[in-house]
């Protein structure tokens, strides 16, 4: 039987946040509308956090980051979307894309509609769906039993949290659940483990959808150690933690840099390839990442 390639897939779904998901989406952008990203919406730092504190709503920063990386036709609209204010005033540090998404959110019935309006404006074919359209925050219990609230503080913990949860529990956007149900391939990562990848898995209906999917799931490992409590976890421990929350062995293959320890990875398919971008070594090169994902797809048959 011939091995599958991306040309054979009707629906590829990638899960994650910010820079990592944006890299995957841009690496696979030639798939166009066959590609869907499900984006983490729990960030409470930077421009995004300031907007949430003053206006409420979901976190827009990771969605904006993905859209930035998917823009293929530079335009006045794309330049506006990527603009960040300088100076010392109230707008200092704010990204205009975040403000545009928030304004469209006010004008739309649903956050997903705001994203689709921006996608059309920027001529982005791939779909982006917020993991939830409810405002949610990440919370954790630290090793001493104290409650830690918000991604920023969780990333500053000195040891892995004893437990991780969403506040409130929240529901997955229905289009995201449908995307998982229809997927031919699901990709997770790379990204900050506790604050970009885990929040999506903490949604109970998303965990259920991942338990049920017949689609193969590929996990993309980070290239460098995280500046977070996840630095204490090896690859096998991170996979085990994800699968504990999903309630099933659901990751079929791992894409990682050469030499990574695969202890605890069991019988999963492991694809080890050089993946570093020449300009930023801790970011994945888009072309190399696509080739590695293609190898994983062929290995999984």
C-alpha atoms as a PDB file:
ATOM      1  CA  UNK A   1       0.000   0.000   0.000  1.00  0.00           C
ATOM      2  CA  UNK A   2       1.287   3.471  -0.902  1.00  0.00           C
ATOM      3  CA  UNK A   3       2.295   5.709   2.031  1.00  0.00           C
ATOM      4  CA  UNK A   4       0.116   8.744   2.560  1.00  0.00           C
ATOM      5  CA  UNK A   5       1.304  12.299   1.930  1.00  0.00           C
ATOM      6  CA  UNK A   6      -0.251  15.668   2.743  1.00  0.00           C
ATOM      7  CA  UNK A   7      -1.728  15.706  -0.765  1.00  0.00           C
ATOM      8  CA  UNK A   8      -3.934  12.765   0.300  1.00  0.00           C
ATOM      9  CA  UNK A   9      -5.377  14.515   3.370  1.00  0.00           C
ATOM     10  CA  UNK A  10      -8.632  16.483   3.331  1.00  0.00           C
ATOM     11  CA  UNK A  11      -8.429  17.855   6.861  1.00  0.00           C
ATOM     12  CA  UNK A  12      -5.341  18.514   8.983  1.00  0.00           C
ATOM     13  CA  UNK A  13      -5.880  19.971  12.465  1.00  0.00           C
ATOM     14  CA  UNK A  14      -3.119  21.535  14.579  1.00  0.00           C
ATOM     15  CA  UNK A  15      -3.507  22.380  18.287  1.00  0.00           C
ATOM     16  CA  UNK A  16      -1.462  24.800  20.374  1.00  0.00           C
ATOM     17  CA  UNK A  17      -0.619  28.401  21.014  1.00  0.00           C
ATOM     18  CA  UNK A  18       1.273  31.384  19.717  1.00  0.00           C
ATOM     19  CA  UNK A  19       4.654  30.969  18.079  1.00  0.00           C
ATOM     20  CA  UNK A  20       4.601  27.156  17.937  1.00  0.00           C
ATOM     21  CA  UNK A  21       1.179  26.776  16.331  1.00  0.00           C
ATOM     22  CA  UNK A  22       1.986  29.645  13.964  1.00  0.00           C
ATOM     23  CA  UNK A  23       5.126  27.811  12.790  1.00  0.00           C
ATOM     24  CA  UNK A  24       3.181  24.616  12.115  1.00  0.00           C
ATOM     25  CA  UNK A  25       0.399  26.495  10.328  1.00  0.00           C
ATOM     26  CA  UNK A  26       2.830  28.435   8.141  1.00  0.00           C
ATOM     27  CA  UNK A  27       4.841  25.245   7.405  1.00  0.00           C
ATOM     28  CA  UNK A  28       1.626  23.648   6.117  1.00  0.00           C
ATOM     29  CA  UNK A  29       0.016  26.796   4.677  1.00  0.00           C
ATOM     30  CA  UNK A  30      -0.012  25.322   1.163  1.00  0.00           C
ATOM     31  CA  UNK A  31      -2.858  23.093   2.400  1.00  0.00           C
ATOM     32  CA  UNK A  32      -5.033  26.229   2.399  1.00  0.00           C
ATOM     33  CA  UNK A  33      -8.564  25.613   3.649  1.00  0.00           C
ATOM     34  CA  UNK A  34      -7.712  21.937   4.385  1.00  0.00           C
ATOM     35  CA  UNK A  35      -5.752  23.218   7.417  1.00  0.00           C
ATOM     36  CA  UNK A  36      -7.353  24.201  10.731  1.00  0.00           C
ATOM     37  CA  UNK A  37      -5.661  25.538  13.861  1.00  0.00           C
ATOM     38  CA  UNK A  38      -7.268  25.291  17.316  1.00  0.00           C
ATOM     39  CA  UNK A  39      -5.778  28.088  19.393  1.00  0.00           C
ATOM     40  CA  UNK A  40      -5.201  28.409  23.141  1.00  0.00           C
ATOM     41  CA  UNK A  41      -7.115  31.369  24.609  1.00  0.00           C
ATOM     42  CA  UNK A  42      -5.977  31.533  28.265  1.00  0.00           C
ATOM     43  CA  UNK A  43      -3.020  33.956  28.053  1.00  0.00           C
ATOM     44  CA  UNK A  44      -3.023  36.722  30.676  1.00  0.00           C
ATOM     45  CA  UNK A  45       0.308  38.435  29.926  1.00  0.00           C
ATOM     46  CA  UNK A  46       1.513  41.346  27.799  1.00  0.00           C
ATOM     47  CA  UNK A  47      -0.820  43.321  25.548  1.00  0.00           C
ATOM     48  CA  UNK A  48      -3.342  40.469  25.613  1.00  0.00           C
ATOM     49  CA  UNK A  49      -3.494  40.435  29.408  1.00  0.00           C
ATOM     50  CA  UNK A  50      -3.966  44.208  29.581  1.00  0.00           C
ATOM     51  CA  UNK A  51      -6.871  44.027  27.120  1.00  0.00           C
ATOM     52  CA  UNK A  52      -8.472  41.193  29.069  1.00  0.00           C
ATOM     53  CA  UNK A  53      -8.179  43.071  32.361  1.00  0.00           C
ATOM     54  CA  UNK A  54      -9.810  46.206  30.944  1.00  0.00           C
ATOM     55  CA  UNK A  55     -12.282  44.720  28.435  1.00  0.00           C
ATOM     56  CA  UNK A  56     -12.748  41.072  29.435  1.00  0.00           C
ATOM     57  CA  UNK A  57     -13.135  38.298  26.878  1.00  0.00           C
ATOM     58  CA  UNK A  58     -10.817  35.601  25.551  1.00  0.00           C
ATOM     59  CA  UNK A  59      -7.081  36.034  24.978  1.00  0.00           C
ATOM     60  CA  UNK A  60      -6.383  37.137  21.403  1.00  0.00           C
ATOM     61  CA  UNK A  61      -2.574  37.180  21.308  1.00  0.00           C
ATOM     62  CA  UNK A  62      -1.989  33.579  20.174  1.00  0.00           C
ATOM     63  CA  UNK A  63      -4.568  33.892  17.387  1.00  0.00           C
ATOM     64  CA  UNK A  64      -2.952  37.127  16.224  1.00  0.00           C
ATOM     65  CA  UNK A  65       0.474  35.437  16.239  1.00  0.00           C
ATOM     66  CA  UNK A  66      -0.830  32.594  14.045  1.00  0.00           C
ATOM     67  CA  UNK A  67      -2.478  35.016  11.619  1.00  0.00           C
ATOM     68  CA  UNK A  68       0.778  36.999  11.377  1.00  0.00           C
ATOM     69  CA  UNK A  69       2.660  33.871  10.339  1.00  0.00           C
ATOM     70  CA  UNK A  70       0.008  32.911   7.776  1.00  0.00           C
ATOM     71  CA  UNK A  71      -0.007  36.232   5.887  1.00  0.00           C
ATOM     72  CA  UNK A  72       1.376  35.568   2.413  1.00  0.00           C
ATOM     73  CA  UNK A  73       0.310  38.789   0.676  1.00  0.00           C
ATOM     74  CA  UNK A  74       1.817  41.855   2.402  1.00  0.00           C
ATOM     75  CA  UNK A  75      -0.654  44.743   2.374  1.00  0.00           C
ATOM     76  CA  UNK A  76      -1.618  47.867   4.285  1.00  0.00           C
ATOM     77  CA  UNK A  77      -3.994  45.648   6.266  1.00  0.00           C
ATOM     78  CA  UNK A  78      -1.232  43.189   7.197  1.00  0.00           C
ATOM     79  CA  UNK A  79       1.140  46.024   8.166  1.00  0.00           C
ATOM     80  CA  UNK A  80      -1.584  47.458  10.409  1.00  0.00           C
ATOM     81  CA  UNK A  81      -2.274  44.066  11.929  1.00  0.00           C
ATOM     82  CA  UNK A  82       1.390  43.570  12.882  1.00  0.00           C
ATOM     83  CA  UNK A  83       1.934  47.126  14.174  1.00  0.00           C
ATOM     84  CA  UNK A  84       3.001  47.529  17.811  1.00  0.00           C
ATOM     85  CA  UNK A  85       2.809  50.878  19.593  1.00  0.00           C
ATOM     86  CA  UNK A  86       5.971  52.338  21.124  1.00  0.00           C
ATOM     87  CA  UNK A  87       6.471  55.273  23.478  1.00  0.00           C
ATOM     88  CA  UNK A  88       5.321  55.594  27.056  1.00  0.00           C
ATOM     89  CA  UNK A  89       1.586  56.295  26.717  1.00  0.00           C
ATOM     90  CA  UNK A  90      -1.417  54.095  27.410  1.00  0.00           C
ATOM     91  CA  UNK A  91      -1.032  52.353  24.029  1.00  0.00           C
ATOM     92  CA  UNK A  92       2.658  51.566  24.575  1.00  0.00           C
ATOM     93  CA  UNK A  93       3.334  47.874  24.015  1.00  0.00           C
ATOM     94  CA  UNK A  94      -0.110  47.171  22.593  1.00  0.00           C
ATOM     95  CA  UNK A  95      -0.307  45.277  19.330  1.00  0.00           C
ATOM     96  CA  UNK A  96      -2.804  46.782  16.899  1.00  0.00           C
ATOM     97  CA  UNK A  97      -3.813  43.267  15.768  1.00  0.00           C
ATOM     98  CA  UNK A  98      -4.959  42.449  19.314  1.00  0.00           C
ATOM     99  CA  UNK A  99      -6.977  45.665  19.446  1.00  0.00           C
ATOM    100  CA  UNK A 100      -8.510  44.994  16.013  1.00  0.00           C
ATOM    101  CA  UNK A 101      -9.570  41.485  17.054  1.00  0.00           C
ATOM    102  CA  UNK A 102     -11.031  42.826  20.298  1.00  0.00           C
ATOM    103  CA  UNK A 103     -12.941  45.576  18.442  1.00  0.00           C
ATOM    104  CA  UNK A 104     -14.329  43.044  15.962  1.00  0.00           C
ATOM    105  CA  UNK A 105     -15.226  40.797  18.906  1.00  0.00           C
ATOM    106  CA  UNK A 106     -17.383  43.659  20.255  1.00  0.00           C
ATOM    107  CA  UNK A 107     -19.018  44.027  16.829  1.00  0.00           C
ATOM    108  CA  UNK A 108     -19.583  40.283  16.290  1.00  0.00           C
ATOM    109  CA  UNK A 109     -21.969  37.781  17.791  1.00  0.00           C
ATOM    110  CA  UNK A 110     -19.122  35.303  18.361  1.00  0.00           C
ATOM    111  CA  UNK A 111     -15.320  35.526  18.693  1.00  0.00           C
ATOM    112  CA  UNK A 112     -15.045  33.037  15.798  1.00  0.00           C
ATOM    113  CA  UNK A 113     -16.789  35.583  13.547  1.00  0.00           C
ATOM    114  CA  UNK A 114     -14.171  38.188  14.481  1.00  0.00           C
ATOM    115  CA  UNK A 115     -11.400  35.786  13.460  1.00  0.00           C
ATOM    116  CA  UNK A 116     -13.093  35.021  10.135  1.00  0.00           C
ATOM    117  CA  UNK A 117     -13.468  38.732   9.348  1.00  0.00           C
ATOM    118  CA  UNK A 118      -9.716  39.236   9.918  1.00  0.00           C
ATOM    119  CA  UNK A 119      -8.873  36.085   7.920  1.00  0.00           C
ATOM    120  CA  UNK A 120     -10.787  37.496   4.959  1.00  0.00           C
ATOM    121  CA  UNK A 121      -9.144  40.907   5.352  1.00  0.00           C
ATOM    122  CA  UNK A 122      -5.658  39.345   5.405  1.00  0.00           C
ATOM    123  CA  UNK A 123      -6.438  36.738   2.703  1.00  0.00           C
ATOM    124  CA  UNK A 124      -5.633  33.785   4.987  1.00  0.00           C
ATOM    125  CA  UNK A 125      -7.136  30.517   3.719  1.00  0.00           C
ATOM    126  CA  UNK A 126      -6.434  28.274   6.719  1.00  0.00           C
ATOM    127  CA  UNK A 127      -9.054  28.223   9.454  1.00  0.00           C
ATOM    128  CA  UNK A 128      -8.360  29.337  13.028  1.00  0.00           C
ATOM    129  CA  UNK A 129     -10.727  28.414  15.842  1.00  0.00           C
ATOM    130  CA  UNK A 130     -10.404  29.558  19.478  1.00  0.00           C
ATOM    131  CA  UNK A 131     -10.289  26.567  21.828  1.00  0.00           C
ATOM    132  CA  UNK A 132     -13.237  28.132  23.675  1.00  0.00           C
ATOM    133  CA  UNK A 133     -15.307  31.261  23.142  1.00  0.00           C
ATOM    134  CA  UNK A 134     -15.729  31.652  26.904  1.00  0.00           C
ATOM    135  CA  UNK A 135     -13.191  33.732  28.865  1.00  0.00           C
ATOM    136  CA  UNK A 136     -11.056  31.127  30.659  1.00  0.00           C
ATOM    137  CA  UNK A 137      -7.956  31.294  32.816  1.00  0.00           C
ATOM    138  CA  UNK A 138      -5.378  28.669  33.645  1.00  0.00           C
ATOM    139  CA  UNK A 139      -4.943  27.796  37.323  1.00  0.00           C
ATOM    140  CA  UNK A 140      -2.636  25.384  39.111  1.00  0.00           C
ATOM    141  CA  UNK A 141      -1.923  23.904  42.505  1.00  0.00           C
ATOM    142  CA  UNK A 142       1.765  24.159  43.347  1.00  0.00           C
ATOM    143  CA  UNK A 143       3.805  21.495  45.139  1.00  0.00           C
ATOM    144  CA  UNK A 144       2.875  23.060  48.521  1.00  0.00           C
ATOM    145  CA  UNK A 145      -0.858  22.954  47.778  1.00  0.00           C
ATOM    146  CA  UNK A 146      -1.220  26.686  47.041  1.00  0.00           C
ATOM    147  CA  UNK A 147      -3.517  27.875  44.241  1.00  0.00           C
ATOM    148  CA  UNK A 148      -1.653  29.760  41.489  1.00  0.00           C
ATOM    149  CA  UNK A 149      -3.809  31.740  39.083  1.00  0.00           C
ATOM    150  CA  UNK A 150      -2.934  32.762  35.537  1.00  0.00           C
ATOM    151  CA  UNK A 151      -0.410  31.636  32.913  1.00  0.00           C
ATOM    152  CA  UNK A 152       2.200  34.259  33.801  1.00  0.00           C
ATOM    153  CA  UNK A 153       2.520  33.098  37.432  1.00  0.00           C
ATOM    154  CA  UNK A 154       2.312  29.393  36.511  1.00  0.00           C
ATOM    155  CA  UNK A 155       5.255  29.775  34.110  1.00  0.00           C
ATOM    156  CA  UNK A 156       7.273  31.266  36.981  1.00  0.00           C
ATOM    157  CA  UNK A 157       6.822  28.286  39.335  1.00  0.00           C
ATOM    158  CA  UNK A 158      10.096  26.700  40.421  1.00  0.00           C
ATOM    159  CA  UNK A 159       8.732  23.123  40.130  1.00  0.00           C
ATOM    160  CA  UNK A 160       6.054  21.394  38.058  1.00  0.00           C
ATOM    161  CA  UNK A 161       2.558  22.039  39.419  1.00  0.00           C
ATOM    162  CA  UNK A 162       0.792  19.243  41.294  1.00  0.00           C
ATOM    163  CA  UNK A 163      -2.409  19.908  39.359  1.00  0.00           C
ATOM    164  CA  UNK A 164      -3.626  22.061  36.480  1.00  0.00           C
ATOM    165  CA  UNK A 165      -7.175  23.273  35.772  1.00  0.00           C
ATOM    166  CA  UNK A 166      -9.247  25.806  33.872  1.00  0.00           C
ATOM    167  CA  UNK A 167     -11.256  28.478  35.675  1.00  0.00           C
ATOM    168  CA  UNK A 168     -14.137  28.179  34.953  1.00  0.00           C
ATOM    169  CA  UNK A 169     -14.164  24.686  33.397  1.00  0.00           C
ATOM    170  CA  UNK A 170     -15.521  25.937  30.061  1.00  0.00           C
ATOM    171  CA  UNK A 171     -16.643  24.310  26.849  1.00  0.00           C
ATOM    172  CA  UNK A 172     -14.803  23.774  23.587  1.00  0.00           C
ATOM    173  CA  UNK A 173     -15.932  25.796  20.566  1.00  0.00           C
ATOM    174  CA  UNK A 174     -18.283  23.479  18.646  1.00  0.00           C
ATOM    175  CA  UNK A 175     -16.399  23.993  15.355  1.00  0.00           C
ATOM    176  CA  UNK A 176     -13.204  22.829  17.094  1.00  0.00           C
ATOM    177  CA  UNK A 177     -14.896  19.594  18.177  1.00  0.00           C
ATOM    178  CA  UNK A 178     -16.193  19.096  14.641  1.00  0.00           C
ATOM    179  CA  UNK A 179     -12.693  19.692  13.237  1.00  0.00           C
ATOM    180  CA  UNK A 180     -11.289  16.949  15.495  1.00  0.00           C
ATOM    181  CA  UNK A 181     -14.107  14.590  14.489  1.00  0.00           C
ATOM    182  CA  UNK A 182     -13.413  15.200  10.774  1.00  0.00           C
ATOM    183  CA  UNK A 183      -9.586  15.220  10.969  1.00  0.00           C
ATOM    184  CA  UNK A 184      -7.343  12.952   8.884  1.00  0.00           C
ATOM    185  CA  UNK A 185      -4.296  14.044  10.925  1.00  0.00           C
ATOM    186  CA  UNK A 186      -3.960  15.873  14.255  1.00  0.00           C
ATOM    187  CA  UNK A 187      -0.784  17.731  15.263  1.00  0.00           C
ATOM    188  CA  UNK A 188       0.078  18.966  18.767  1.00  0.00           C
ATOM    189  CA  UNK A 189       2.901  21.355  19.621  1.00  0.00           C
ATOM    190  CA  UNK A 190       5.480  22.730  19.697  1.00  0.00           C
ATOM    191  CA  UNK A 191       4.927  25.334  22.395  1.00  0.00           C
ATOM    192  CA  UNK A 192       5.023  26.092  26.096  1.00  0.00           C
ATOM    193  CA  UNK A 193       3.886  22.818  27.612  1.00  0.00           C
ATOM    194  CA  UNK A 194       1.856  24.011  30.592  1.00  0.00           C
ATOM    195  CA  UNK A 195       0.519  27.250  29.128  1.00  0.00           C
ATOM    196  CA  UNK A 196       0.106  26.637  25.362  1.00  0.00           C
ATOM    197  CA  UNK A 197      -0.581  22.898  25.008  1.00  0.00           C
ATOM    198  CA  UNK A 198      -2.169  21.706  28.241  1.00  0.00           C
ATOM    199  CA  UNK A 199      -5.044  24.260  28.418  1.00  0.00           C
ATOM    200  CA  UNK A 200      -6.688  22.730  25.320  1.00  0.00           C
ATOM    201  CA  UNK A 201      -6.505  19.234  26.837  1.00  0.00           C
ATOM    202  CA  UNK A 202      -8.100  20.478  30.082  1.00  0.00           C
ATOM    203  CA  UNK A 203     -11.398  21.065  28.242  1.00  0.00           C
ATOM    204  CA  UNK A 204     -13.385  17.924  29.047  1.00  0.00           C
ATOM    205  CA  UNK A 205     -15.245  17.780  25.722  1.00  0.00           C
ATOM    206  CA  UNK A 206     -11.956  18.253  23.820  1.00  0.00           C
ATOM    207  CA  UNK A 207     -10.366  15.402  25.803  1.00  0.00           C
ATOM    208  CA  UNK A 208     -13.381  13.252  24.887  1.00  0.00           C
ATOM    209  CA  UNK A 209     -13.038  14.188  21.187  1.00  0.00           C
ATOM    210  CA  UNK A 210      -9.348  13.196  21.253  1.00  0.00           C
ATOM    211  CA  UNK A 211     -10.211   9.883  22.916  1.00  0.00           C
ATOM    212  CA  UNK A 212     -12.657   9.125  20.101  1.00  0.00           C
ATOM    213  CA  UNK A 213     -10.718  10.290  17.039  1.00  0.00           C
ATOM    214  CA  UNK A 214      -9.501   7.601  14.641  1.00  0.00           C
ATOM    215  CA  UNK A 215      -7.020  10.113  13.154  1.00  0.00           C
ATOM    216  CA  UNK A 216      -3.295   9.668  13.905  1.00  0.00           C
ATOM    217  CA  UNK A 217      -1.874  12.227  16.345  1.00  0.00           C
ATOM    218  CA  UNK A 218       1.666  13.623  15.983  1.00  0.00           C
ATOM    219  CA  UNK A 219       3.370  15.516  18.815  1.00  0.00           C
ATOM    220  CA  UNK A 220       6.102  18.017  17.868  1.00  0.00           C
ATOM    221  CA  UNK A 221       8.700  18.440  20.609  1.00  0.00           C
ATOM    222  CA  UNK A 222      10.316  21.777  21.425  1.00  0.00           C
ATOM    223  CA  UNK A 223      13.888  22.376  20.245  1.00  0.00           C
ATOM    224  CA  UNK A 224      15.205  23.935  23.446  1.00  0.00           C
ATOM    225  CA  UNK A 225      14.530  23.699  27.170  1.00  0.00           C
ATOM    226  CA  UNK A 226      11.632  25.824  28.366  1.00  0.00           C
ATOM    227  CA  UNK A 227      12.095  28.699  30.801  1.00  0.00           C
ATOM    228  CA  UNK A 228       9.260  27.284  32.891  1.00  0.00           C
ATOM    229  CA  UNK A 229       8.582  24.397  35.290  1.00  0.00           C
ATOM    230  CA  UNK A 230       8.154  22.148  32.199  1.00  0.00           C
ATOM    231  CA  UNK A 231      11.975  22.217  31.880  1.00  0.00           C
ATOM    232  CA  UNK A 232      11.988  19.549  34.622  1.00  0.00           C
ATOM    233  CA  UNK A 233       9.947  17.123  32.486  1.00  0.00           C
ATOM    234  CA  UNK A 234      11.450  14.866  29.841  1.00  0.00           C
ATOM    235  CA  UNK A 235       9.596  13.940  26.650  1.00  0.00           C
ATOM    236  CA  UNK A 236       8.140  10.731  28.080  1.00  0.00           C
ATOM    237  CA  UNK A 237       6.829  12.537  31.175  1.00  0.00           C
ATOM    238  CA  UNK A 238       5.142  15.221  29.071  1.00  0.00           C
ATOM    239  CA  UNK A 239       3.450  12.623  26.882  1.00  0.00           C
ATOM    240  CA  UNK A 240       2.288  10.731  29.980  1.00  0.00           C
ATOM    241  CA  UNK A 241       0.866  13.912  31.519  1.00  0.00           C
ATOM    242  CA  UNK A 242      -1.041  14.814  28.333  1.00  0.00           C
ATOM    243  CA  UNK A 243      -2.456  11.317  28.098  1.00  0.00           C
ATOM    244  CA  UNK A 244      -3.448  11.294  31.753  1.00  0.00           C
ATOM    245  CA  UNK A 245      -5.653  14.328  31.110  1.00  0.00           C
ATOM    246  CA  UNK A 246      -7.067  12.949  27.865  1.00  0.00           C
ATOM    247  CA  UNK A 247      -7.640   9.548  29.480  1.00  0.00           C
ATOM    248  CA  UNK A 248      -6.110   7.473  26.701  1.00  0.00           C
ATOM    249  CA  UNK A 249      -2.871   6.704  24.845  1.00  0.00           C
ATOM    250  CA  UNK A 250      -3.595   9.068  21.946  1.00  0.00           C
ATOM    251  CA  UNK A 251      -0.203  10.267  20.617  1.00  0.00           C
ATOM    252  CA  UNK A 252       0.960   7.965  17.820  1.00  0.00           C
ATOM    253  CA  UNK A 253       4.175   9.664  16.680  1.00  0.00           C
ATOM    254  CA  UNK A 254       6.714  12.217  17.901  1.00  0.00           C
ATOM    255  CA  UNK A 255       8.787  14.623  15.802  1.00  0.00           C
ATOM    256  CA  UNK A 256      11.945  15.676  17.668  1.00  0.00           C
ATOM    257  CA  UNK A 257      15.487  16.898  17.171  1.00  0.00           C
ATOM    258  CA  UNK A 258      18.281  14.276  16.925  1.00  0.00           C
ATOM    259  CA  UNK A 259      19.585  12.940  20.223  1.00  0.00           C
ATOM    260  CA  UNK A 260      16.511  13.672  22.333  1.00  0.00           C
ATOM    261  CA  UNK A 261      15.855  11.100  25.068  1.00  0.00           C
ATOM    262  CA  UNK A 262      12.921   8.891  24.068  1.00  0.00           C
ATOM    263  CA  UNK A 263      12.805   7.019  27.362  1.00  0.00           C
ATOM    264  CA  UNK A 264       9.177   6.499  28.370  1.00  0.00           C
ATOM    265  CA  UNK A 265       7.876   6.999  24.819  1.00  0.00           C
ATOM    266  CA  UNK A 266       6.874   3.347  24.474  1.00  0.00           C
ATOM    267  CA  UNK A 267       6.189   1.977  21.002  1.00  0.00           C
ATOM    268  CA  UNK A 268       5.413   5.317  19.386  1.00  0.00           C
ATOM    269  CA  UNK A 269       6.890   6.224  16.013  1.00  0.00           C
ATOM    270  CA  UNK A 270       9.826   8.601  16.634  1.00  0.00           C
ATOM    271  CA  UNK A 271      11.018  10.866  13.817  1.00  0.00           C
ATOM    272  CA  UNK A 272      14.357  12.511  14.691  1.00  0.00           C
ATOM    273  CA  UNK A 273      15.411  15.180  12.210  1.00  0.00           C
ATOM    274  CA  UNK A 274      17.413  18.453  12.283  1.00  0.00           C
ATOM    275  CA  UNK A 275      14.673  21.069  12.632  1.00  0.00           C
ATOM    276  CA  UNK A 276      16.363  24.328  13.687  1.00  0.00           C
ATOM    277  CA  UNK A 277      15.728  27.512  11.721  1.00  0.00           C
ATOM    278  CA  UNK A 278      18.979  29.121  10.548  1.00  0.00           C
ATOM    279  CA  UNK A 279      18.005  32.550  11.933  1.00  0.00           C
ATOM    280  CA  UNK A 280      16.516  31.478  15.304  1.00  0.00           C
ATOM    281  CA  UNK A 281      17.883  28.070  16.457  1.00  0.00           C
ATOM    282  CA  UNK A 282      15.133  27.464  19.034  1.00  0.00           C
ATOM    283  CA  UNK A 283      12.412  27.931  16.368  1.00  0.00           C
ATOM    284  CA  UNK A 284      11.492  25.226  13.865  1.00  0.00           C
ATOM    285  CA  UNK A 285      12.466  25.732  10.238  1.00  0.00           C
ATOM    286  CA  UNK A 286       9.208  25.629   8.278  1.00  0.00           C
ATOM    287  CA  UNK A 287      10.537  23.544   5.381  1.00  0.00           C
ATOM    288  CA  UNK A 288      12.367  21.036   7.618  1.00  0.00           C
ATOM    289  CA  UNK A 289       9.307  20.750   9.859  1.00  0.00           C
ATOM    290  CA  UNK A 290       7.046  19.946   6.927  1.00  0.00           C
ATOM    291  CA  UNK A 291       9.472  17.263   5.698  1.00  0.00           C
ATOM    292  CA  UNK A 292       9.613  15.699   9.188  1.00  0.00           C
ATOM    293  CA  UNK A 293       5.809  15.697   9.459  1.00  0.00           C
ATOM    294  CA  UNK A 294       5.617  14.090   6.018  1.00  0.00           C
ATOM    295  CA  UNK A 295       7.991  11.342   7.265  1.00  0.00           C
ATOM    296  CA  UNK A 296       5.790  10.798  10.331  1.00  0.00           C
ATOM    297  CA  UNK A 297       2.716  10.562   8.113  1.00  0.00           C
ATOM    298  CA  UNK A 298       4.410   7.997   5.863  1.00  0.00           C
ATOM    299  CA  UNK A 299       5.624   5.965   8.851  1.00  0.00           C
ATOM    300  CA  UNK A 300       2.109   5.859  10.295  1.00  0.00           C
ATOM    301  CA  UNK A 301       0.772   4.603   6.951  1.00  0.00           C
END
